[in-house]
Protein backbone atom coordinates (compact mmCIF):
# COMPACT_ATOMS: atom_id res chain seq x y z
CA MET A 1 35.92 -207.75 -19.86
CA ARG A 2 33.10 -208.95 -17.54
CA LYS A 3 30.93 -206.32 -18.75
CA ARG A 4 31.54 -207.20 -22.43
CA MET A 5 30.75 -210.85 -21.61
CA VAL A 6 27.55 -209.81 -19.87
CA GLN A 7 26.54 -207.65 -22.92
CA GLY A 8 27.28 -210.54 -25.49
CA ALA A 9 25.29 -213.03 -23.16
CA LEU A 10 22.22 -210.68 -23.23
CA ILE A 11 22.28 -210.28 -26.94
CA LEU A 12 22.66 -214.26 -27.56
CA ALA A 13 20.05 -214.67 -24.89
CA LEU A 14 17.48 -212.30 -26.95
CA VAL A 15 18.12 -213.91 -30.51
CA ALA A 16 17.82 -217.38 -29.04
CA GLY A 17 14.52 -216.39 -27.23
CA ILE A 18 13.04 -214.71 -30.35
CA THR A 19 14.33 -217.37 -32.78
CA GLY A 20 12.92 -220.14 -30.58
CA TRP A 21 9.46 -218.33 -30.67
CA SER A 22 9.67 -217.95 -34.31
CA PHE A 23 10.10 -221.60 -35.26
CA GLY A 24 6.81 -222.06 -33.52
CA ALA A 25 5.07 -219.81 -35.49
CA THR A 26 2.80 -220.93 -38.54
CA ASP A 27 4.09 -218.38 -41.21
CA LEU A 28 7.72 -218.27 -41.48
CA ARG A 29 10.19 -217.64 -44.21
CA PHE A 30 14.14 -217.34 -44.03
CA GLY A 31 16.42 -215.56 -46.08
CA PHE A 32 19.60 -213.62 -46.37
CA SER A 33 20.82 -210.36 -47.95
CA PHE A 34 23.99 -208.78 -49.23
CA ASN A 35 24.37 -204.98 -49.34
CA GLY A 36 26.68 -201.98 -49.76
CA GLY A 37 26.50 -198.29 -49.35
CA MET A 38 27.80 -195.30 -47.28
CA ILE A 39 27.99 -194.24 -43.94
CA ASN A 40 28.06 -190.43 -42.91
CA ILE A 41 29.88 -189.99 -39.65
CA ASN A 42 30.29 -187.39 -36.77
CA GLY A 43 33.67 -188.82 -36.00
CA GLY A 44 33.86 -187.14 -32.33
CA ASP A 45 37.52 -186.49 -31.47
CA PHE A 46 38.90 -187.91 -34.66
CA ASN A 47 37.67 -185.01 -36.69
CA GLN A 48 37.46 -182.51 -34.08
CA ALA A 49 41.30 -183.07 -33.90
CA ILE A 50 41.55 -182.45 -37.73
CA ARG A 51 39.54 -179.35 -37.72
CA ASP A 52 41.34 -177.85 -34.87
CA ALA A 53 44.75 -178.55 -36.53
CA ASN A 54 43.74 -176.76 -39.72
CA THR A 55 42.30 -173.89 -37.58
CA TRP A 56 45.62 -173.86 -35.46
CA VAL A 57 47.51 -173.64 -38.85
CA ALA A 58 45.42 -170.56 -39.99
CA ASP A 59 45.48 -168.95 -36.49
CA TYR A 60 49.22 -169.31 -36.35
CA ASN A 61 49.98 -167.92 -39.70
CA ASP A 62 47.52 -164.99 -39.02
CA TYR A 63 49.08 -164.25 -35.69
CA TRP A 64 52.74 -164.13 -37.19
CA ASP A 65 51.54 -162.59 -40.51
CA GLY A 66 52.94 -165.27 -42.73
CA ASP A 67 52.67 -168.41 -44.54
CA TRP A 68 54.68 -170.65 -42.44
CA TYR A 69 52.64 -173.51 -42.18
CA THR A 70 50.25 -175.33 -44.79
CA ALA A 71 47.92 -178.01 -43.96
CA ASN A 72 46.42 -180.56 -46.50
CA TRP A 73 44.40 -182.77 -44.17
CA ASN A 74 40.66 -183.39 -44.48
CA GLU A 75 38.04 -184.92 -42.04
CA LEU A 76 36.91 -188.40 -42.40
CA LYS A 77 33.16 -187.83 -43.16
CA TRP A 78 32.34 -190.74 -45.30
CA MET A 79 33.02 -194.45 -45.05
CA PRO A 80 32.06 -197.31 -47.42
CA ASN A 81 29.76 -199.96 -45.67
CA PHE A 82 29.38 -203.48 -46.75
CA GLY A 83 27.51 -206.47 -45.05
CA GLY A 84 25.13 -209.24 -45.00
CA GLU A 85 21.97 -210.23 -42.65
CA PHE A 86 20.40 -213.47 -42.16
CA MET A 87 16.37 -212.69 -41.70
CA VAL A 88 13.35 -214.41 -40.53
CA ARG A 89 9.95 -213.18 -41.78
CA ILE A 90 7.42 -213.63 -39.38
CA GLY A 91 3.94 -213.56 -41.11
CA LYS A 92 3.34 -210.78 -43.51
CA TYR A 93 4.37 -207.70 -41.31
CA PHE A 94 7.21 -208.70 -39.06
CA GLY A 95 10.75 -209.62 -39.31
CA LEU A 96 13.82 -210.32 -37.59
CA GLY A 97 17.67 -209.65 -38.83
CA LEU A 98 21.01 -210.76 -37.56
CA GLY A 99 23.69 -208.91 -39.57
CA VAL A 100 27.33 -208.26 -39.75
CA GLU A 101 28.75 -205.28 -41.49
CA TYR A 102 32.37 -204.10 -42.34
CA LEU A 103 33.47 -200.38 -42.28
CA SER A 104 36.92 -199.29 -43.15
CA LYS A 105 38.71 -196.28 -44.49
CA SER A 106 42.23 -194.75 -44.47
CA ASN A 107 42.65 -190.89 -43.82
CA LEU A 108 45.75 -189.37 -44.86
CA GLY A 109 46.88 -185.73 -43.86
CA THR A 110 50.08 -183.58 -43.93
CA ILE A 111 51.08 -180.41 -42.38
CA ASP A 112 54.11 -178.74 -43.85
CA TYR A 113 56.35 -175.98 -42.51
CA VAL A 114 58.65 -173.61 -44.21
CA SER A 115 60.84 -170.92 -42.98
CA GLU A 116 63.48 -169.32 -45.24
CA ASP A 117 65.26 -166.07 -44.04
CA SER A 118 68.17 -164.07 -45.09
CA TRP A 119 69.76 -160.99 -43.91
CA ASN A 120 72.95 -158.90 -43.76
CA GLN A 121 74.63 -157.57 -40.74
CA ASP A 122 77.46 -154.86 -40.59
CA TRP A 123 80.61 -155.81 -38.86
CA PHE A 124 82.00 -152.69 -37.30
CA GLY A 125 82.26 -151.09 -40.64
CA ILE A 126 85.11 -153.12 -42.06
CA GLY A 127 82.78 -155.90 -43.27
CA TYR A 128 79.50 -157.59 -43.29
CA ILE A 129 78.05 -160.91 -42.62
CA VAL A 130 75.36 -162.74 -44.76
CA TYR A 131 73.12 -164.98 -42.67
CA ASP A 132 70.69 -167.65 -44.26
CA ASN A 133 68.52 -169.61 -41.64
CA ASN A 134 66.25 -172.10 -43.45
CA SER A 135 64.02 -174.88 -41.83
CA TYR A 136 61.50 -177.03 -43.07
CA SER A 137 59.31 -179.98 -41.50
CA THR A 138 56.61 -182.23 -42.65
CA ASP A 139 53.97 -184.02 -40.38
CA THR A 140 52.24 -186.83 -41.72
CA TYR A 141 49.21 -188.55 -40.22
CA ASP A 142 48.16 -191.92 -41.87
CA GLN A 143 45.26 -193.25 -40.00
CA LYS A 144 42.88 -196.12 -40.80
CA LEU A 145 39.46 -196.58 -38.99
CA THR A 146 37.83 -199.97 -39.26
CA VAL A 147 34.51 -201.20 -37.69
CA ILE A 148 32.75 -204.33 -37.67
CA PRO A 149 29.16 -203.92 -36.32
CA ILE A 150 27.09 -207.26 -35.23
CA THR A 151 23.63 -206.05 -35.34
CA LEU A 152 20.25 -207.21 -34.44
CA SER A 153 17.20 -205.49 -36.04
CA PHE A 154 13.42 -205.88 -35.84
CA TYR A 155 11.53 -205.11 -38.90
CA GLY A 156 7.72 -203.85 -39.53
CA PHE A 157 6.56 -204.06 -43.06
CA LEU A 158 3.67 -202.37 -45.12
CA PRO A 159 2.62 -203.47 -48.51
CA VAL A 160 2.29 -200.68 -50.82
CA GLY A 161 1.48 -202.56 -54.03
CA PRO A 162 1.77 -206.15 -55.76
CA GLN A 163 5.38 -206.10 -55.95
CA ALA A 164 6.50 -203.68 -53.19
CA GLU A 165 6.60 -202.92 -49.45
CA ALA A 166 8.07 -200.29 -47.18
CA TYR A 167 9.47 -201.20 -43.91
CA VAL A 168 10.89 -199.62 -40.83
CA LYS A 169 13.70 -201.04 -38.55
CA ALA A 170 15.14 -200.44 -35.07
CA GLY A 171 17.70 -202.40 -33.19
CA ALA A 172 21.07 -202.60 -31.31
CA GLY A 173 24.60 -203.71 -32.34
CA TYR A 174 27.96 -204.72 -30.75
CA TYR A 175 30.55 -202.83 -32.62
CA LEU A 176 34.25 -203.96 -32.80
CA GLY A 177 36.47 -201.04 -33.51
CA LYS A 178 40.29 -200.72 -34.52
CA LEU A 179 42.51 -197.51 -35.11
CA THR A 180 45.82 -197.67 -36.73
CA THR A 181 47.93 -194.56 -36.55
CA ASN A 182 51.13 -194.07 -38.58
CA TYR A 183 52.71 -190.59 -37.79
CA SER A 184 55.88 -189.29 -38.87
CA ASP A 185 57.69 -185.77 -38.58
CA ALA A 186 60.78 -185.03 -40.79
CA TRP A 187 62.56 -181.75 -40.27
CA SER A 188 65.73 -180.35 -41.46
CA TRP A 189 67.56 -177.01 -41.24
CA VAL A 190 70.44 -175.14 -43.08
CA TYR A 191 72.17 -172.36 -41.46
CA ASN A 192 74.86 -170.37 -43.03
CA GLU A 193 77.26 -167.45 -42.03
CA ASN A 194 79.19 -165.92 -44.93
CA TRP A 195 81.66 -163.24 -43.96
CA TYR A 196 82.97 -160.64 -46.38
CA TRP A 197 84.98 -157.41 -46.33
CA ASN A 198 83.30 -154.24 -47.40
CA SER A 199 85.01 -154.71 -50.75
CA GLY A 200 82.84 -157.87 -51.17
CA THR A 201 85.89 -160.06 -50.99
CA PRO A 202 85.31 -163.31 -48.94
CA TRP A 203 86.75 -163.16 -45.41
CA PRO A 204 86.61 -166.85 -44.32
CA PRO A 205 86.25 -168.80 -42.35
CA HIS A 206 82.54 -168.97 -43.07
CA TYR A 207 80.25 -171.15 -40.77
CA HIS A 208 77.80 -173.69 -41.82
CA ASP A 209 75.42 -175.86 -39.97
CA VAL A 210 72.97 -178.31 -41.50
CA GLY A 211 70.85 -181.30 -39.98
CA ASP A 212 68.00 -183.41 -40.49
CA TYR A 213 65.91 -185.48 -38.15
CA GLU A 214 63.02 -188.02 -38.44
CA TYR A 215 60.48 -189.18 -35.88
CA SER A 216 58.13 -192.07 -36.83
CA GLU A 217 55.37 -193.75 -34.53
CA THR A 218 52.77 -196.55 -35.04
CA PHE A 219 49.95 -197.27 -32.67
CA GLU A 220 47.34 -199.66 -32.94
CA ALA A 221 44.24 -199.29 -30.71
CA THR A 222 40.83 -201.22 -30.21
CA CYS A 223 37.60 -200.50 -28.61
CA ASN A 224 34.26 -202.29 -28.50
CA THR A 225 31.02 -200.62 -27.62
CA LEU A 226 27.01 -200.97 -27.93
CA GLY A 227 25.25 -198.98 -30.58
CA PHE A 228 21.83 -198.37 -31.79
CA HIS A 229 20.06 -197.83 -35.11
CA PHE A 230 16.60 -196.98 -36.67
CA GLY A 231 15.51 -196.16 -40.14
CA ALA A 232 13.22 -197.16 -43.05
CA GLY A 233 13.60 -198.70 -46.45
CA PHE A 234 11.79 -200.03 -49.54
CA ASN A 235 11.63 -203.69 -50.82
CA PHE A 236 10.83 -204.33 -54.59
CA ASN A 237 10.11 -207.92 -55.25
CA VAL A 238 11.64 -209.07 -58.57
CA THR A 239 10.48 -212.55 -58.10
CA PRO A 240 8.54 -214.51 -55.40
CA SER A 241 12.09 -215.10 -53.90
CA ILE A 242 14.19 -212.31 -54.75
CA ALA A 243 13.75 -208.73 -53.80
CA LEU A 244 16.06 -205.54 -54.35
CA PHE A 245 16.07 -202.93 -51.49
CA GLY A 246 17.35 -199.61 -50.51
CA GLU A 247 17.18 -198.19 -46.98
CA ALA A 248 18.41 -195.24 -44.86
CA PHE A 249 18.91 -195.34 -41.18
CA TYR A 250 20.76 -193.37 -38.28
CA ARG A 251 23.36 -194.85 -36.23
CA LEU A 252 24.55 -194.21 -32.66
CA ALA A 253 27.64 -195.52 -31.62
CA ASN A 254 30.41 -194.00 -29.29
CA PHE A 255 33.85 -195.54 -28.70
CA ASN A 256 35.44 -194.18 -25.71
CA ASP A 257 38.21 -196.66 -24.31
CA TRP A 258 40.74 -197.09 -27.01
CA GLN A 259 43.69 -199.47 -25.84
CA GLY A 260 46.57 -200.91 -27.61
CA SER A 261 50.41 -200.77 -28.06
CA GLY A 262 52.91 -199.13 -30.46
CA THR A 263 56.31 -198.36 -31.27
CA TRP A 264 58.31 -195.25 -31.94
CA ASP A 265 61.72 -194.32 -33.39
CA LEU A 266 63.88 -191.21 -33.70
CA TYR A 267 67.02 -190.62 -35.86
CA GLY A 268 68.92 -187.61 -36.68
CA GLN A 269 72.31 -185.98 -37.80
CA GLU A 270 73.94 -182.84 -37.86
CA GLY A 271 77.13 -181.32 -39.38
CA TRP A 272 78.99 -178.10 -38.73
CA GLY A 273 82.10 -176.18 -39.49
CA ASP A 274 83.82 -173.97 -41.94
CA THR A 275 83.84 -176.13 -45.07
CA ALA A 276 81.62 -175.85 -47.97
CA TYR A 277 79.15 -178.46 -47.89
CA THR A 278 76.46 -180.70 -49.83
CA ASN A 279 75.14 -182.61 -46.86
CA THR A 280 76.02 -183.46 -43.26
CA ASP A 281 78.75 -185.94 -44.02
CA ASN A 282 81.23 -183.74 -45.47
CA LEU A 283 81.34 -181.04 -42.67
CA PRO A 284 84.24 -181.37 -40.35
CA ASN A 285 81.96 -182.00 -37.28
CA HIS A 286 79.29 -184.47 -37.44
CA SER A 287 77.04 -186.04 -34.98
CA THR A 288 74.13 -188.57 -35.02
CA TYR A 289 71.33 -189.43 -32.62
CA SER A 290 69.02 -192.32 -32.36
CA ASP A 291 66.46 -193.55 -29.92
CA ASP A 292 63.48 -195.88 -29.90
CA GLY A 293 60.72 -197.26 -27.59
CA THR A 294 57.39 -198.83 -27.18
CA TYR A 295 54.08 -198.28 -26.03
CA GLY A 296 53.13 -201.15 -23.72
CA ALA A 297 50.03 -203.13 -23.95
CA GLY A 298 47.30 -201.33 -22.33
CA SER A 299 48.41 -197.98 -23.43
CA LYS A 300 45.49 -195.67 -23.95
CA LEU A 301 44.42 -192.74 -26.22
CA TRP A 302 43.63 -189.40 -24.19
CA SER A 303 42.23 -186.27 -25.59
CA TYR A 304 43.02 -182.74 -24.35
CA GLU A 305 42.86 -179.23 -25.32
CA ASP A 306 46.12 -177.43 -26.16
CA GLN A 307 45.78 -173.92 -25.11
CA TRP A 308 47.14 -170.78 -27.28
CA ASP A 309 45.59 -167.94 -25.51
CA SER A 310 47.13 -165.42 -27.99
CA PHE A 311 45.57 -167.05 -31.19
CA ASP A 312 41.97 -166.55 -32.21
CA GLN A 313 40.38 -169.86 -31.19
CA GLY A 314 42.80 -170.23 -28.13
CA SER A 315 41.96 -173.89 -27.47
CA TYR A 316 42.80 -176.71 -29.85
CA LEU A 317 41.78 -180.32 -29.27
CA GLU A 318 44.61 -183.11 -29.67
CA TYR A 319 44.71 -186.62 -28.86
CA TRP A 320 47.48 -189.15 -28.42
CA ALA A 321 48.73 -192.45 -27.00
CA TYR A 322 50.06 -192.63 -23.42
CA GLU A 323 51.22 -195.49 -21.27
CA SER A 324 49.34 -196.00 -18.09
CA GLY A 325 50.61 -193.67 -15.36
CA ASP A 326 51.78 -191.15 -18.03
CA GLU A 327 48.38 -189.57 -18.89
CA PRO A 328 48.52 -186.06 -19.67
CA GLU A 329 47.85 -183.63 -16.75
CA GLU A 330 46.06 -180.44 -16.62
CA ASP A 331 47.80 -177.25 -16.31
CA ASP A 332 48.08 -173.77 -17.82
CA TRP A 333 48.66 -175.38 -21.21
CA THR A 334 46.58 -178.42 -21.13
CA LYS A 335 42.79 -178.50 -20.23
CA ASN A 336 39.87 -180.86 -20.18
CA VAL A 337 41.88 -183.99 -20.22
CA ARG A 338 39.75 -187.06 -20.92
CA PRO A 339 39.75 -190.38 -22.65
CA THR A 340 39.50 -190.14 -26.51
CA GLU A 341 35.97 -190.54 -27.87
CA ILE A 342 35.47 -191.51 -31.73
CA ASN A 343 31.86 -192.05 -32.72
CA LEU A 344 29.94 -193.19 -35.76
CA ASN A 345 26.85 -191.10 -35.26
CA GLY A 346 25.33 -190.23 -38.49
CA PHE A 347 23.10 -191.53 -41.34
CA SER A 348 23.87 -194.80 -43.45
CA PHE A 349 22.57 -195.48 -46.67
CA LYS A 350 22.74 -198.60 -48.62
CA VAL A 351 21.30 -201.00 -51.27
CA GLY A 352 21.16 -204.67 -51.67
CA ILE A 353 19.61 -207.75 -52.66
CA ARG A 354 17.49 -210.17 -50.40
CA ILE A 355 16.94 -213.88 -51.21
CA PHE A 356 14.21 -215.76 -49.45
CA PHE A 357 13.13 -219.54 -49.18
CA GLY A 358 9.47 -220.19 -49.23
CA GLY A 359 8.58 -216.96 -51.34
CA ILE A 360 7.82 -213.48 -50.48
CA ARG A 361 4.35 -212.43 -50.21
C-alpha cells in the first residue's frame, strides 16, 4: 500500500510541476479528446494457461488413442479500448496529455469429457453380463478482465501540411486491474450390469448406479501496476478547433500480485440398486452430498506447471486461487510455483476526435 501511495504521489507531482510550468508559457492551447480502438495483448499466464489446456487435451487424446476430451476455449487476444484525454498544447511542437482508458472483455471456454463403454462377460458358461459404463463432464471457464489505465503522455508534433501533422508520444500510466472468474464443473455417470442366461432370458437382479455432481466457484481478484507506452499518430485538422486523429502505440504493463476473495459450492447425488430407473431418485438407495466454502480476503492467484511426463509436452501451466498459507508446493507433479502474471503487452490502435480551445495552428 505504501509503495502504491508513493507511486501515485510521484505521478501527481510530475503532472503538477509540468502543468504549472505550462501555465507560464506564452502559447498554450487546451483541449480534450475521445477515442476508441482495439488492443492486442500477449496476456501472460492468462493466455498461456488456455494454450496449455488445449495442448493437454490433444496430448491426452493422442496418448490414449481416443477422443475423450473436446476443448472449445480460445485465447483472449483482442480487447476493445475506449478513453478520453485532457491535453495541453505547448507552442507548435509539444504537448502533454492526461488520459483515462477503459478496457474490458469476457472470455468463455469449455472442456468436455465423454466416455461411453459397453462390453459382455461370460459367467461360467451358464450366462453372461452386459456392462455399460458411461461418464460425462463439462468444465466451464467464464472470465472477465477489466483494466482502467490512468496515463500521462508527452507529445512531439511535426506539421506535414496546412491541415495535418504527425506526432510521436511516450509516457507512463497507473493501471487498475480486475479479474473475475466463474468456474463450474458438472459431471455424471451411468453404470449398468444386466445379467442374462445363455438363452438370452434376463437373470435378475440387475444392478444400476447413476450419479451427478456439480461444482461451482467464483473468484474476484484485483491488481494495480505501473505501465509504459510509446507510439505515433496523425492529426487531420477539420477546423481550427477540431481534429480527427488515428494512432498506434505499444504498451507494457504486467500485473503480478492478484489478490481477492471468492466462494465455492459442491452438490451431488447418487442412486444405486436393482430397480429400473430414469434418475437417481427412484433407485432404492440414494445419497446426496453438499459442501461450500469461501476464499478469504487476501487470497492470491498462483501459477504452476502441472507435470505429465508421459505426454508429448510434459508440462502444462495452470493458475488458481489459494488462501494465504495454502499456496501450492513444488513436488514431482508440480513445478515452478510463482504468483500469477497477466500482462497487457502489445500494440494498441485507436481513432478519435480532439477539440481544442483557442484554435489549432
